[in-house]
């Protein structure tokens, strides 16, 4: 493992990328279904939700633009796609279904964007990039679930759209810890700054 890590450093990965204001916050798919181990949850997602409540309070106190994402499919499944071939259960996430609703402790406030999506990335086929750009966001702070799936996809797209992703390590979670840790490592090396919530609050306090 140490040899693998040293290969990244030797090849020039993992350069520092300081957070740069203005900041925005994206909370990816912290909905009831991902909070429930019997549905799509488990692992460290419950802890990530608890930590994200404090991160969201910080973002609101600083006046950041805040966006939330949900996976929502049409009631008649007309928008089914390749994602649902791999994970058919995603088609249960309808607009009015309990499992697709954002957890109560992270309920959006007036003026916060709710992005509805049918694929992992909160950017793909949505207006999120334009919404963030209109508000001048340079660094996008990212929380949510799952680290190896929708969080990672959104972070890669954020980087490709020209935002500086900042992944908050204890505010993202996965149903299994191995993929969570591996993807935090990989995002830190290639796409994002990775900090704890405490470090993020210290780095971004106005």
N, C-alpha and C. Protein backbone atom coordinates (compact mmCIF):
# COMPACT_ATOMS: atom_id res chain seq x y z
N UNK A 1 0.83 -1.21 0.00
CA UNK A 1 0.00 0.00 0.00
C UNK A 1 0.86 1.26 0.00
N UNK A 2 1.91 1.26 0.84
CA UNK A 2 2.79 2.43 0.88
C UNK A 2 3.47 2.65 -0.46
N UNK A 3 3.82 1.57 -1.15
CA UNK A 3 4.42 1.70 -2.48
C UNK A 3 3.42 2.32 -3.45
N UNK A 4 2.14 1.93 -3.33
CA UNK A 4 1.11 2.51 -4.19
C UNK A 4 0.98 4.00 -3.94
N UNK A 5 0.98 4.39 -2.66
CA UNK A 5 0.84 5.81 -2.32
C UNK A 5 2.05 6.59 -2.82
N UNK A 6 3.23 6.05 -2.65
CA UNK A 6 4.42 6.76 -3.10
C UNK A 6 4.43 6.93 -4.62
N UNK A 7 3.81 6.01 -5.35
CA UNK A 7 3.73 6.14 -6.80
C UNK A 7 2.94 7.38 -7.18
N UNK A 8 1.87 7.67 -6.45
CA UNK A 8 1.08 8.88 -6.72
C UNK A 8 1.95 10.12 -6.53
N UNK A 9 2.67 10.17 -5.42
CA UNK A 9 3.51 11.33 -5.14
C UNK A 9 4.61 11.47 -6.18
N UNK A 10 5.22 10.36 -6.55
CA UNK A 10 6.32 10.38 -7.52
C UNK A 10 5.83 10.87 -8.89
N UNK A 11 4.58 10.57 -9.21
CA UNK A 11 4.04 10.95 -10.51
C UNK A 11 3.36 12.32 -10.50
N UNK A 12 3.38 13.00 -9.34
CA UNK A 12 2.90 14.37 -9.30
C UNK A 12 1.44 14.55 -8.94
N UNK A 13 0.80 13.48 -8.44
CA UNK A 13 -0.59 13.61 -8.01
C UNK A 13 -0.64 14.23 -6.61
N UNK A 14 -1.85 14.67 -6.25
CA UNK A 14 -2.08 15.12 -4.88
C UNK A 14 -1.56 16.50 -4.57
N UNK A 15 -1.39 17.36 -5.58
CA UNK A 15 -0.96 18.74 -5.31
C UNK A 15 -2.00 19.45 -4.47
N UNK A 16 -1.54 20.40 -3.67
CA UNK A 16 -2.47 21.15 -2.84
C UNK A 16 -3.30 22.10 -3.69
N UNK A 17 -4.54 22.33 -3.27
CA UNK A 17 -5.45 23.25 -3.96
C UNK A 17 -6.21 24.01 -2.88
N UNK A 18 -5.73 25.17 -2.56
CA UNK A 18 -6.31 25.92 -1.45
C UNK A 18 -7.75 26.34 -1.77
N UNK A 19 -8.65 26.23 -0.80
CA UNK A 19 -10.00 26.74 -1.01
C UNK A 19 -9.97 28.23 -1.32
N UNK A 20 -10.83 28.64 -2.23
CA UNK A 20 -10.87 30.03 -2.67
C UNK A 20 -12.31 30.52 -2.65
N UNK A 21 -12.60 31.60 -1.91
CA UNK A 21 -13.96 32.12 -1.91
C UNK A 21 -14.31 32.78 -3.26
N UNK A 22 -15.59 32.93 -3.52
CA UNK A 22 -16.77 32.58 -2.73
C UNK A 22 -17.01 31.06 -2.70
N UNK A 23 -17.68 30.63 -1.62
CA UNK A 23 -17.97 29.22 -1.40
C UNK A 23 -19.44 28.90 -1.66
N UNK A 24 -19.69 27.66 -2.02
CA UNK A 24 -21.04 27.13 -2.07
C UNK A 24 -21.03 25.75 -1.46
N UNK A 25 -22.21 25.26 -1.09
CA UNK A 25 -22.34 23.93 -0.49
C UNK A 25 -23.28 23.09 -1.33
N UNK A 26 -22.85 21.87 -1.66
CA UNK A 26 -23.69 20.88 -2.32
C UNK A 26 -23.85 19.69 -1.39
N UNK A 27 -25.10 19.35 -1.06
CA UNK A 27 -25.41 18.17 -0.24
C UNK A 27 -26.04 17.14 -1.16
N UNK A 28 -25.34 16.06 -1.38
CA UNK A 28 -25.73 15.06 -2.38
C UNK A 28 -26.56 13.94 -1.74
N UNK A 29 -27.82 13.87 -2.12
CA UNK A 29 -28.67 12.69 -1.88
C UNK A 29 -28.77 12.24 -0.42
N UNK A 30 -28.76 13.17 0.51
CA UNK A 30 -28.99 12.78 1.90
C UNK A 30 -30.50 12.75 2.14
N UNK A 31 -31.08 11.67 1.62
CA UNK A 31 -32.53 11.46 1.65
C UNK A 31 -32.83 10.26 2.55
N UNK A 32 -34.11 10.07 2.85
CA UNK A 32 -34.50 9.02 3.78
C UNK A 32 -34.03 7.64 3.35
N UNK A 33 -34.07 7.35 2.06
CA UNK A 33 -33.66 6.04 1.58
C UNK A 33 -32.20 5.74 1.82
N UNK A 34 -31.36 6.77 1.76
CA UNK A 34 -29.94 6.58 2.01
C UNK A 34 -29.60 6.66 3.49
N UNK A 35 -30.56 7.11 4.30
CA UNK A 35 -30.37 7.11 5.75
C UNK A 35 -30.77 5.77 6.36
N UNK A 36 -31.45 4.93 5.59
CA UNK A 36 -32.02 3.69 6.09
C UNK A 36 -31.19 2.49 5.62
N UNK A 37 -30.53 1.77 6.52
CA UNK A 37 -29.74 0.60 6.11
C UNK A 37 -30.55 -0.49 5.42
N UNK A 38 -31.86 -0.49 5.62
CA UNK A 38 -32.71 -1.50 4.98
C UNK A 38 -33.06 -1.13 3.55
N UNK A 39 -32.72 0.09 3.13
CA UNK A 39 -33.04 0.55 1.76
C UNK A 39 -31.75 0.72 0.98
N UNK A 40 -31.12 1.90 1.05
CA UNK A 40 -29.87 2.14 0.35
C UNK A 40 -28.74 2.58 1.29
N UNK A 41 -28.98 2.52 2.59
CA UNK A 41 -28.02 3.09 3.53
C UNK A 41 -27.08 2.09 4.16
N UNK A 42 -26.61 2.44 5.36
CA UNK A 42 -25.66 1.61 6.10
C UNK A 42 -24.32 2.29 6.24
N UNK A 43 -23.33 1.52 6.64
CA UNK A 43 -21.97 2.05 6.75
C UNK A 43 -21.90 3.26 7.68
N UNK A 44 -21.30 4.34 7.17
CA UNK A 44 -21.13 5.55 7.98
C UNK A 44 -22.03 6.69 7.51
N UNK A 45 -23.12 6.37 6.83
CA UNK A 45 -24.00 7.42 6.31
C UNK A 45 -24.70 8.17 7.45
N UNK A 46 -25.15 7.46 8.49
CA UNK A 46 -25.82 8.14 9.60
C UNK A 46 -24.90 9.18 10.24
N UNK A 47 -23.64 8.83 10.42
CA UNK A 47 -22.68 9.77 10.98
C UNK A 47 -22.48 10.97 10.06
N UNK A 48 -22.44 10.71 8.75
CA UNK A 48 -22.27 11.80 7.78
C UNK A 48 -23.44 12.77 7.85
N UNK A 49 -24.65 12.25 8.02
CA UNK A 49 -25.82 13.12 8.14
C UNK A 49 -25.71 14.01 9.37
N UNK A 50 -25.32 13.41 10.50
CA UNK A 50 -25.18 14.19 11.72
C UNK A 50 -24.13 15.29 11.56
N UNK A 51 -22.99 14.97 10.99
CA UNK A 51 -21.94 15.97 10.78
C UNK A 51 -22.39 17.05 9.79
N UNK A 52 -23.18 16.65 8.79
CA UNK A 52 -23.62 17.61 7.78
C UNK A 52 -24.60 18.63 8.35
N UNK A 53 -25.35 18.27 9.39
CA UNK A 53 -26.22 19.27 10.01
C UNK A 53 -25.41 20.45 10.52
N UNK A 54 -24.23 20.18 11.06
CA UNK A 54 -23.36 21.26 11.56
C UNK A 54 -22.72 22.03 10.41
N UNK A 55 -22.35 21.31 9.35
CA UNK A 55 -21.78 21.98 8.18
C UNK A 55 -22.80 22.88 7.53
N UNK A 56 -24.05 22.41 7.42
CA UNK A 56 -25.10 23.23 6.83
C UNK A 56 -25.35 24.49 7.66
N UNK A 57 -25.33 24.36 8.97
CA UNK A 57 -25.49 25.54 9.82
C UNK A 57 -24.38 26.56 9.57
N UNK A 58 -23.16 26.06 9.40
CA UNK A 58 -22.04 26.96 9.09
C UNK A 58 -22.25 27.65 7.75
N UNK A 59 -22.65 26.88 6.73
CA UNK A 59 -22.86 27.47 5.40
C UNK A 59 -23.93 28.55 5.45
N UNK A 60 -25.00 28.29 6.16
CA UNK A 60 -26.08 29.29 6.27
C UNK A 60 -25.62 30.52 7.03
N UNK A 61 -24.83 30.32 8.07
CA UNK A 61 -24.34 31.47 8.84
C UNK A 61 -23.42 32.35 8.03
N UNK A 62 -22.75 31.74 7.03
CA UNK A 62 -21.82 32.48 6.18
C UNK A 62 -22.50 33.03 4.92
N UNK A 63 -23.76 32.70 4.72
CA UNK A 63 -24.49 33.19 3.56
C UNK A 63 -24.14 32.51 2.26
N UNK A 64 -23.65 31.27 2.31
CA UNK A 64 -23.29 30.57 1.08
C UNK A 64 -24.52 30.15 0.29
N UNK A 65 -24.42 30.07 -1.03
CA UNK A 65 -25.44 29.36 -1.80
C UNK A 65 -25.41 27.88 -1.41
N UNK A 66 -26.59 27.30 -1.22
CA UNK A 66 -26.69 25.89 -0.82
C UNK A 66 -27.58 25.16 -1.81
N UNK A 67 -27.10 24.02 -2.30
CA UNK A 67 -27.88 23.17 -3.19
C UNK A 67 -27.96 21.77 -2.60
N UNK A 68 -29.12 21.15 -2.76
CA UNK A 68 -29.36 19.77 -2.34
C UNK A 68 -29.72 18.96 -3.58
N UNK A 69 -29.35 17.69 -3.62
CA UNK A 69 -29.80 16.86 -4.74
C UNK A 69 -30.60 15.66 -4.23
N UNK A 70 -31.53 15.22 -5.08
CA UNK A 70 -32.37 14.05 -4.83
C UNK A 70 -32.42 13.24 -6.12
N UNK A 71 -32.50 11.91 -5.99
CA UNK A 71 -32.79 11.06 -7.13
C UNK A 71 -34.31 10.91 -7.22
N UNK A 72 -34.90 11.32 -8.35
CA UNK A 72 -36.35 11.28 -8.50
C UNK A 72 -36.68 10.79 -9.91
N UNK A 73 -37.45 9.69 -9.99
CA UNK A 73 -37.91 9.16 -11.27
C UNK A 73 -39.40 9.41 -11.45
N UNK A 74 -39.82 9.46 -12.70
CA UNK A 74 -41.22 9.67 -13.03
C UNK A 74 -42.08 8.54 -12.48
N UNK A 75 -43.32 8.86 -12.13
CA UNK A 75 -44.22 7.86 -11.57
C UNK A 75 -44.44 6.68 -12.50
N UNK A 76 -44.38 6.94 -13.82
CA UNK A 76 -44.59 5.85 -14.79
C UNK A 76 -43.29 5.25 -15.31
N UNK A 77 -42.16 5.61 -14.70
CA UNK A 77 -40.84 5.09 -15.07
C UNK A 77 -40.43 5.47 -16.49
N UNK A 78 -41.03 6.50 -17.06
CA UNK A 78 -40.72 6.89 -18.43
C UNK A 78 -39.27 7.30 -18.59
N UNK A 79 -38.63 7.74 -17.51
CA UNK A 79 -37.24 8.20 -17.58
C UNK A 79 -36.26 7.15 -17.07
N UNK A 80 -36.65 5.89 -17.06
CA UNK A 80 -35.71 4.84 -16.65
C UNK A 80 -34.49 4.86 -17.57
N UNK A 81 -33.36 4.43 -17.06
CA UNK A 81 -32.10 4.59 -17.81
C UNK A 81 -31.13 3.45 -17.47
N UNK A 82 -29.91 3.59 -17.92
CA UNK A 82 -28.91 2.56 -17.68
C UNK A 82 -28.61 2.40 -16.19
N UNK A 83 -28.63 3.50 -15.46
CA UNK A 83 -28.42 3.45 -14.01
C UNK A 83 -29.42 2.49 -13.36
N UNK A 84 -30.68 2.55 -13.81
CA UNK A 84 -31.70 1.69 -13.20
C UNK A 84 -31.61 0.24 -13.67
N UNK A 85 -30.91 0.00 -14.78
CA UNK A 85 -30.63 -1.39 -15.15
C UNK A 85 -29.67 -2.02 -14.15
N UNK A 86 -28.70 -1.22 -13.70
CA UNK A 86 -27.73 -1.71 -12.72
C UNK A 86 -28.29 -1.74 -11.31
N UNK A 87 -29.14 -0.75 -10.99
CA UNK A 87 -29.71 -0.64 -9.64
C UNK A 87 -31.23 -0.43 -9.79
N UNK A 88 -31.98 -1.50 -10.07
CA UNK A 88 -33.42 -1.34 -10.33
C UNK A 88 -34.18 -0.67 -9.19
N UNK A 89 -33.72 -0.83 -7.98
CA UNK A 89 -34.41 -0.23 -6.84
C UNK A 89 -34.47 1.28 -6.89
N UNK A 90 -33.59 1.91 -7.68
CA UNK A 90 -33.63 3.37 -7.79
C UNK A 90 -34.97 3.86 -8.34
N UNK A 91 -35.66 3.01 -9.11
CA UNK A 91 -36.94 3.41 -9.68
C UNK A 91 -38.02 3.59 -8.61
N UNK A 92 -37.77 3.14 -7.39
CA UNK A 92 -38.74 3.37 -6.32
C UNK A 92 -38.70 4.81 -5.81
N UNK A 93 -37.69 5.57 -6.21
CA UNK A 93 -37.53 6.94 -5.71
C UNK A 93 -38.35 7.89 -6.57
N UNK A 94 -39.59 8.09 -6.18
CA UNK A 94 -40.53 8.97 -6.88
C UNK A 94 -40.65 10.29 -6.13
N UNK A 95 -41.23 11.27 -6.78
CA UNK A 95 -41.34 12.61 -6.19
C UNK A 95 -41.98 12.58 -4.80
N UNK A 96 -43.05 11.81 -4.64
CA UNK A 96 -43.79 11.84 -3.38
C UNK A 96 -43.44 10.68 -2.44
N UNK A 97 -42.45 9.86 -2.81
CA UNK A 97 -42.10 8.70 -1.99
C UNK A 97 -41.25 9.14 -0.80
N UNK A 98 -41.53 8.57 0.35
CA UNK A 98 -40.79 8.90 1.57
C UNK A 98 -39.29 8.74 1.38
N UNK A 99 -38.86 7.69 0.71
CA UNK A 99 -37.42 7.42 0.59
C UNK A 99 -36.68 8.43 -0.26
N UNK A 100 -37.39 9.17 -1.11
CA UNK A 100 -36.72 10.16 -1.96
C UNK A 100 -36.69 11.55 -1.33
N UNK A 101 -37.31 11.70 -0.16
CA UNK A 101 -37.37 13.01 0.50
C UNK A 101 -36.09 13.27 1.29
N UNK A 102 -35.62 14.50 1.26
CA UNK A 102 -34.45 14.89 2.03
C UNK A 102 -34.73 14.70 3.52
N UNK A 103 -33.74 14.19 4.26
CA UNK A 103 -33.95 13.92 5.69
C UNK A 103 -34.37 15.21 6.40
N UNK A 104 -35.26 15.11 7.37
CA UNK A 104 -35.82 16.32 7.99
C UNK A 104 -34.78 17.26 8.57
N UNK A 105 -33.72 16.72 9.15
CA UNK A 105 -32.72 17.59 9.79
C UNK A 105 -31.91 18.40 8.79
N UNK A 106 -32.01 18.07 7.50
CA UNK A 106 -31.32 18.84 6.46
C UNK A 106 -32.30 19.48 5.49
N UNK A 107 -33.54 19.65 5.91
CA UNK A 107 -34.57 20.19 5.03
C UNK A 107 -34.14 21.52 4.42
N UNK A 108 -34.30 21.69 3.11
CA UNK A 108 -33.88 22.94 2.45
C UNK A 108 -34.62 24.14 3.01
N UNK A 109 -33.91 25.24 3.12
CA UNK A 109 -34.49 26.52 3.52
C UNK A 109 -34.90 27.29 2.27
N UNK A 110 -35.77 28.28 2.42
CA UNK A 110 -36.13 29.09 1.26
C UNK A 110 -34.89 29.67 0.58
N UNK A 111 -34.88 29.61 -0.73
CA UNK A 111 -33.75 30.12 -1.50
C UNK A 111 -32.68 29.10 -1.79
N UNK A 112 -32.75 27.92 -1.18
CA UNK A 112 -31.80 26.85 -1.47
C UNK A 112 -32.31 25.99 -2.60
N UNK A 113 -31.42 25.62 -3.50
CA UNK A 113 -31.80 24.88 -4.70
C UNK A 113 -31.95 23.40 -4.39
N UNK A 114 -33.00 22.78 -4.94
CA UNK A 114 -33.16 21.33 -4.89
C UNK A 114 -33.04 20.81 -6.31
N UNK A 115 -32.01 20.01 -6.55
CA UNK A 115 -31.74 19.44 -7.87
C UNK A 115 -32.32 18.03 -7.93
N UNK A 116 -33.19 17.79 -8.88
CA UNK A 116 -33.72 16.44 -9.12
C UNK A 116 -32.92 15.81 -10.24
N UNK A 117 -32.50 14.58 -10.03
CA UNK A 117 -31.63 13.93 -11.01
C UNK A 117 -32.00 12.46 -11.13
N UNK A 118 -31.56 11.83 -12.23
CA UNK A 118 -31.82 10.41 -12.46
C UNK A 118 -30.53 9.63 -12.71
N UNK A 119 -29.39 10.27 -12.47
CA UNK A 119 -28.07 9.66 -12.65
C UNK A 119 -27.21 10.06 -11.45
N UNK A 120 -26.02 9.49 -11.30
CA UNK A 120 -25.23 9.81 -10.12
C UNK A 120 -24.86 11.28 -9.95
N UNK A 121 -24.41 11.95 -10.99
CA UNK A 121 -23.92 13.32 -10.84
C UNK A 121 -25.06 14.32 -10.67
N UNK A 122 -24.89 15.24 -9.73
CA UNK A 122 -25.86 16.32 -9.55
C UNK A 122 -25.76 17.36 -10.66
N UNK A 123 -24.73 17.27 -11.49
CA UNK A 123 -24.54 18.23 -12.58
C UNK A 123 -25.11 17.74 -13.91
N UNK A 124 -25.11 16.43 -14.14
CA UNK A 124 -25.44 15.91 -15.46
C UNK A 124 -26.91 16.16 -15.79
N UNK A 125 -27.15 16.94 -16.84
CA UNK A 125 -28.50 17.21 -17.29
C UNK A 125 -29.31 18.11 -16.38
N UNK A 126 -28.64 18.85 -15.49
CA UNK A 126 -29.34 19.76 -14.58
C UNK A 126 -28.80 21.18 -14.75
N UNK A 127 -29.42 22.12 -14.06
CA UNK A 127 -28.98 23.52 -14.12
C UNK A 127 -28.04 23.90 -13.00
N UNK A 128 -27.46 22.92 -12.30
CA UNK A 128 -26.65 23.23 -11.11
C UNK A 128 -25.44 24.09 -11.43
N UNK A 129 -24.71 23.76 -12.49
CA UNK A 129 -23.50 24.53 -12.80
C UNK A 129 -23.83 26.00 -13.04
N UNK A 130 -24.87 26.26 -13.82
CA UNK A 130 -25.26 27.65 -14.11
C UNK A 130 -25.69 28.36 -12.83
N UNK A 131 -26.42 27.66 -11.98
CA UNK A 131 -26.90 28.26 -10.72
C UNK A 131 -25.73 28.66 -9.83
N UNK A 132 -24.73 27.79 -9.72
CA UNK A 132 -23.56 28.11 -8.92
C UNK A 132 -22.74 29.24 -9.53
N UNK A 133 -22.57 29.19 -10.85
CA UNK A 133 -21.79 30.23 -11.53
C UNK A 133 -22.45 31.59 -11.38
N UNK A 134 -23.77 31.63 -11.48
CA UNK A 134 -24.49 32.90 -11.33
C UNK A 134 -24.25 33.52 -9.97
N UNK A 135 -23.98 32.69 -8.99
CA UNK A 135 -23.75 33.16 -7.64
C UNK A 135 -22.27 33.31 -7.32
N UNK A 136 -21.43 33.16 -8.33
CA UNK A 136 -20.01 33.45 -8.19
C UNK A 136 -19.19 32.41 -7.46
N UNK A 137 -19.71 31.21 -7.30
CA UNK A 137 -19.01 30.19 -6.51
C UNK A 137 -17.70 29.80 -7.17
N UNK A 138 -16.64 29.78 -6.38
CA UNK A 138 -15.32 29.31 -6.82
C UNK A 138 -15.01 27.93 -6.23
N UNK A 139 -15.28 27.77 -4.94
CA UNK A 139 -15.03 26.50 -4.26
C UNK A 139 -16.36 25.88 -3.86
N UNK A 140 -16.58 24.65 -4.29
CA UNK A 140 -17.81 23.94 -3.96
C UNK A 140 -17.53 22.92 -2.87
N UNK A 141 -18.07 23.16 -1.70
CA UNK A 141 -17.95 22.25 -0.57
C UNK A 141 -19.00 21.15 -0.76
N UNK A 142 -18.57 19.89 -0.62
CA UNK A 142 -19.44 18.76 -0.95
C UNK A 142 -19.61 17.84 0.25
N UNK A 143 -20.87 17.54 0.54
CA UNK A 143 -21.25 16.55 1.55
C UNK A 143 -22.22 15.59 0.88
N UNK A 144 -22.51 14.45 1.53
CA UNK A 144 -23.56 13.60 0.99
C UNK A 144 -23.22 12.13 0.90
N UNK A 145 -24.03 11.43 0.09
CA UNK A 145 -23.91 9.98 -0.06
C UNK A 145 -24.20 9.59 -1.51
N UNK A 146 -23.60 8.49 -1.95
CA UNK A 146 -22.55 7.76 -1.26
C UNK A 146 -21.21 8.21 -1.83
N UNK A 147 -20.18 8.08 -1.01
CA UNK A 147 -18.86 8.60 -1.38
C UNK A 147 -18.37 8.04 -2.71
N UNK A 148 -18.58 6.74 -2.91
CA UNK A 148 -18.05 6.07 -4.10
C UNK A 148 -18.94 6.23 -5.32
N UNK A 149 -20.14 6.79 -5.14
CA UNK A 149 -21.08 6.88 -6.24
C UNK A 149 -21.43 8.31 -6.60
N UNK A 150 -22.57 8.77 -6.08
CA UNK A 150 -23.08 10.09 -6.47
C UNK A 150 -22.19 11.24 -5.99
N UNK A 151 -21.53 11.07 -4.84
CA UNK A 151 -20.60 12.11 -4.39
C UNK A 151 -19.43 12.20 -5.36
N UNK A 152 -18.80 11.09 -5.62
CA UNK A 152 -17.65 11.10 -6.53
C UNK A 152 -18.02 11.63 -7.91
N UNK A 153 -19.14 11.16 -8.46
CA UNK A 153 -19.55 11.63 -9.79
C UNK A 153 -19.77 13.14 -9.80
N UNK A 154 -20.37 13.67 -8.74
CA UNK A 154 -20.62 15.11 -8.66
C UNK A 154 -19.33 15.89 -8.49
N UNK A 155 -18.39 15.34 -7.72
CA UNK A 155 -17.09 16.00 -7.53
C UNK A 155 -16.31 16.06 -8.84
N UNK A 156 -16.28 14.97 -9.58
CA UNK A 156 -15.58 14.97 -10.86
C UNK A 156 -16.20 15.99 -11.81
N UNK A 157 -17.52 16.03 -11.88
CA UNK A 157 -18.17 17.01 -12.75
C UNK A 157 -17.93 18.43 -12.27
N UNK A 158 -17.95 18.66 -10.97
CA UNK A 158 -17.67 20.00 -10.44
C UNK A 158 -16.30 20.47 -10.90
N UNK A 159 -15.31 19.60 -10.80
CA UNK A 159 -13.96 19.93 -11.25
C UNK A 159 -13.96 20.23 -12.75
N UNK A 160 -14.69 19.44 -13.52
CA UNK A 160 -14.71 19.62 -14.97
C UNK A 160 -15.41 20.91 -15.38
N UNK A 161 -16.34 21.38 -14.55
CA UNK A 161 -17.01 22.66 -14.81
C UNK A 161 -16.22 23.85 -14.30
N UNK A 162 -15.09 23.60 -13.65
CA UNK A 162 -14.22 24.70 -13.24
C UNK A 162 -14.37 25.14 -11.80
N UNK A 163 -15.12 24.39 -11.00
CA UNK A 163 -15.20 24.67 -9.57
C UNK A 163 -14.08 23.91 -8.84
N UNK A 164 -13.66 24.45 -7.71
CA UNK A 164 -12.68 23.76 -6.86
C UNK A 164 -13.46 22.90 -5.86
N UNK A 165 -13.49 21.59 -6.02
CA UNK A 165 -14.23 20.77 -5.06
C UNK A 165 -13.48 20.65 -3.73
N UNK A 166 -14.26 20.75 -2.66
CA UNK A 166 -13.73 20.52 -1.32
C UNK A 166 -14.64 19.47 -0.68
N UNK A 167 -14.15 18.25 -0.59
CA UNK A 167 -14.93 17.15 -0.03
C UNK A 167 -14.72 17.12 1.47
N UNK A 168 -15.82 17.14 2.22
CA UNK A 168 -15.73 17.14 3.67
C UNK A 168 -15.80 15.68 4.14
N UNK A 169 -14.67 15.15 4.59
CA UNK A 169 -14.50 13.71 4.75
C UNK A 169 -15.47 13.07 5.74
N UNK A 170 -15.82 13.78 6.80
CA UNK A 170 -16.75 13.20 7.77
C UNK A 170 -18.20 13.61 7.50
N UNK A 171 -18.44 14.32 6.41
CA UNK A 171 -19.79 14.68 5.98
C UNK A 171 -20.20 13.93 4.72
N UNK A 172 -19.38 12.98 4.29
CA UNK A 172 -19.76 12.08 3.21
C UNK A 172 -19.72 10.66 3.77
N UNK A 173 -20.60 9.81 3.24
CA UNK A 173 -20.67 8.46 3.76
C UNK A 173 -21.02 7.46 2.69
N UNK A 174 -20.77 6.20 3.01
CA UNK A 174 -21.02 5.11 2.06
C UNK A 174 -21.56 3.91 2.84
N UNK A 175 -22.23 3.03 2.12
CA UNK A 175 -22.80 1.84 2.76
C UNK A 175 -21.72 0.83 3.13
N UNK A 176 -20.51 1.02 2.61
CA UNK A 176 -19.36 0.18 2.97
C UNK A 176 -18.14 1.07 3.13
N UNK A 177 -17.34 0.79 4.13
CA UNK A 177 -16.23 1.69 4.47
C UNK A 177 -15.07 1.57 3.49
N UNK A 178 -14.83 0.39 2.93
CA UNK A 178 -13.74 0.22 1.97
C UNK A 178 -13.87 1.16 0.78
N UNK A 179 -15.01 1.16 0.08
CA UNK A 179 -15.18 2.10 -1.03
C UNK A 179 -15.11 3.56 -0.59
N UNK A 180 -15.63 3.85 0.60
CA UNK A 180 -15.56 5.23 1.13
C UNK A 180 -14.12 5.69 1.24
N UNK A 181 -13.29 4.90 1.91
CA UNK A 181 -11.90 5.28 2.11
C UNK A 181 -11.13 5.36 0.79
N UNK A 182 -11.35 4.37 -0.08
CA UNK A 182 -10.63 4.35 -1.35
C UNK A 182 -10.99 5.56 -2.21
N UNK A 183 -12.24 5.95 -2.21
CA UNK A 183 -12.65 7.08 -3.05
C UNK A 183 -12.24 8.41 -2.47
N UNK A 184 -12.21 8.53 -1.14
CA UNK A 184 -11.64 9.75 -0.56
C UNK A 184 -10.18 9.89 -0.96
N UNK A 185 -9.44 8.79 -0.88
CA UNK A 185 -8.03 8.83 -1.29
C UNK A 185 -7.90 9.26 -2.75
N UNK A 186 -8.69 8.66 -3.62
CA UNK A 186 -8.58 8.94 -5.04
C UNK A 186 -8.98 10.37 -5.38
N UNK A 187 -10.05 10.86 -4.75
CA UNK A 187 -10.46 12.25 -5.01
C UNK A 187 -9.41 13.23 -4.51
N UNK A 188 -8.80 12.91 -3.37
CA UNK A 188 -7.74 13.78 -2.84
C UNK A 188 -6.56 13.83 -3.81
N UNK A 189 -6.25 12.74 -4.45
CA UNK A 189 -5.11 12.69 -5.35
C UNK A 189 -5.37 13.39 -6.68
N UNK A 190 -6.62 13.37 -7.16
CA UNK A 190 -6.89 13.78 -8.55
C UNK A 190 -7.82 14.97 -8.72
N UNK A 191 -8.80 15.12 -7.85
CA UNK A 191 -9.89 16.02 -8.20
C UNK A 191 -10.22 17.09 -7.17
N UNK A 192 -9.86 16.89 -5.91
CA UNK A 192 -10.45 17.72 -4.86
C UNK A 192 -9.50 17.92 -3.70
N UNK A 193 -9.81 18.93 -2.90
CA UNK A 193 -9.27 19.05 -1.55
C UNK A 193 -10.16 18.23 -0.63
N UNK A 194 -9.58 17.51 0.31
CA UNK A 194 -10.35 16.72 1.26
C UNK A 194 -9.98 17.18 2.67
N UNK A 195 -10.97 17.68 3.40
CA UNK A 195 -10.77 18.16 4.77
C UNK A 195 -11.88 17.62 5.67
N UNK A 196 -11.63 17.57 6.96
CA UNK A 196 -12.69 17.26 7.92
C UNK A 196 -13.63 18.46 8.03
N UNK A 197 -14.76 18.24 8.70
CA UNK A 197 -15.69 19.37 8.90
C UNK A 197 -15.03 20.48 9.71
N UNK A 198 -14.33 20.12 10.77
CA UNK A 198 -13.67 21.13 11.58
C UNK A 198 -12.65 21.92 10.76
N UNK A 199 -11.88 21.23 9.96
CA UNK A 199 -10.89 21.91 9.12
C UNK A 199 -11.58 22.79 8.07
N UNK A 200 -12.69 22.32 7.54
CA UNK A 200 -13.42 23.10 6.54
C UNK A 200 -13.98 24.38 7.13
N UNK A 201 -14.57 24.27 8.30
CA UNK A 201 -15.13 25.47 8.97
C UNK A 201 -14.01 26.48 9.23
N UNK A 202 -12.87 25.99 9.70
CA UNK A 202 -11.74 26.90 9.98
C UNK A 202 -11.24 27.56 8.69
N UNK A 203 -11.17 26.79 7.60
CA UNK A 203 -10.61 27.30 6.35
C UNK A 203 -11.54 28.26 5.64
N UNK A 204 -12.84 28.18 5.92
CA UNK A 204 -13.82 28.96 5.13
C UNK A 204 -14.56 29.99 5.94
N UNK A 205 -14.21 30.16 7.19
CA UNK A 205 -14.90 31.15 8.01
C UNK A 205 -14.56 32.56 7.55
N UNK A 206 -15.57 33.38 7.35
CA UNK A 206 -15.36 34.74 6.85
C UNK A 206 -14.85 35.68 7.92
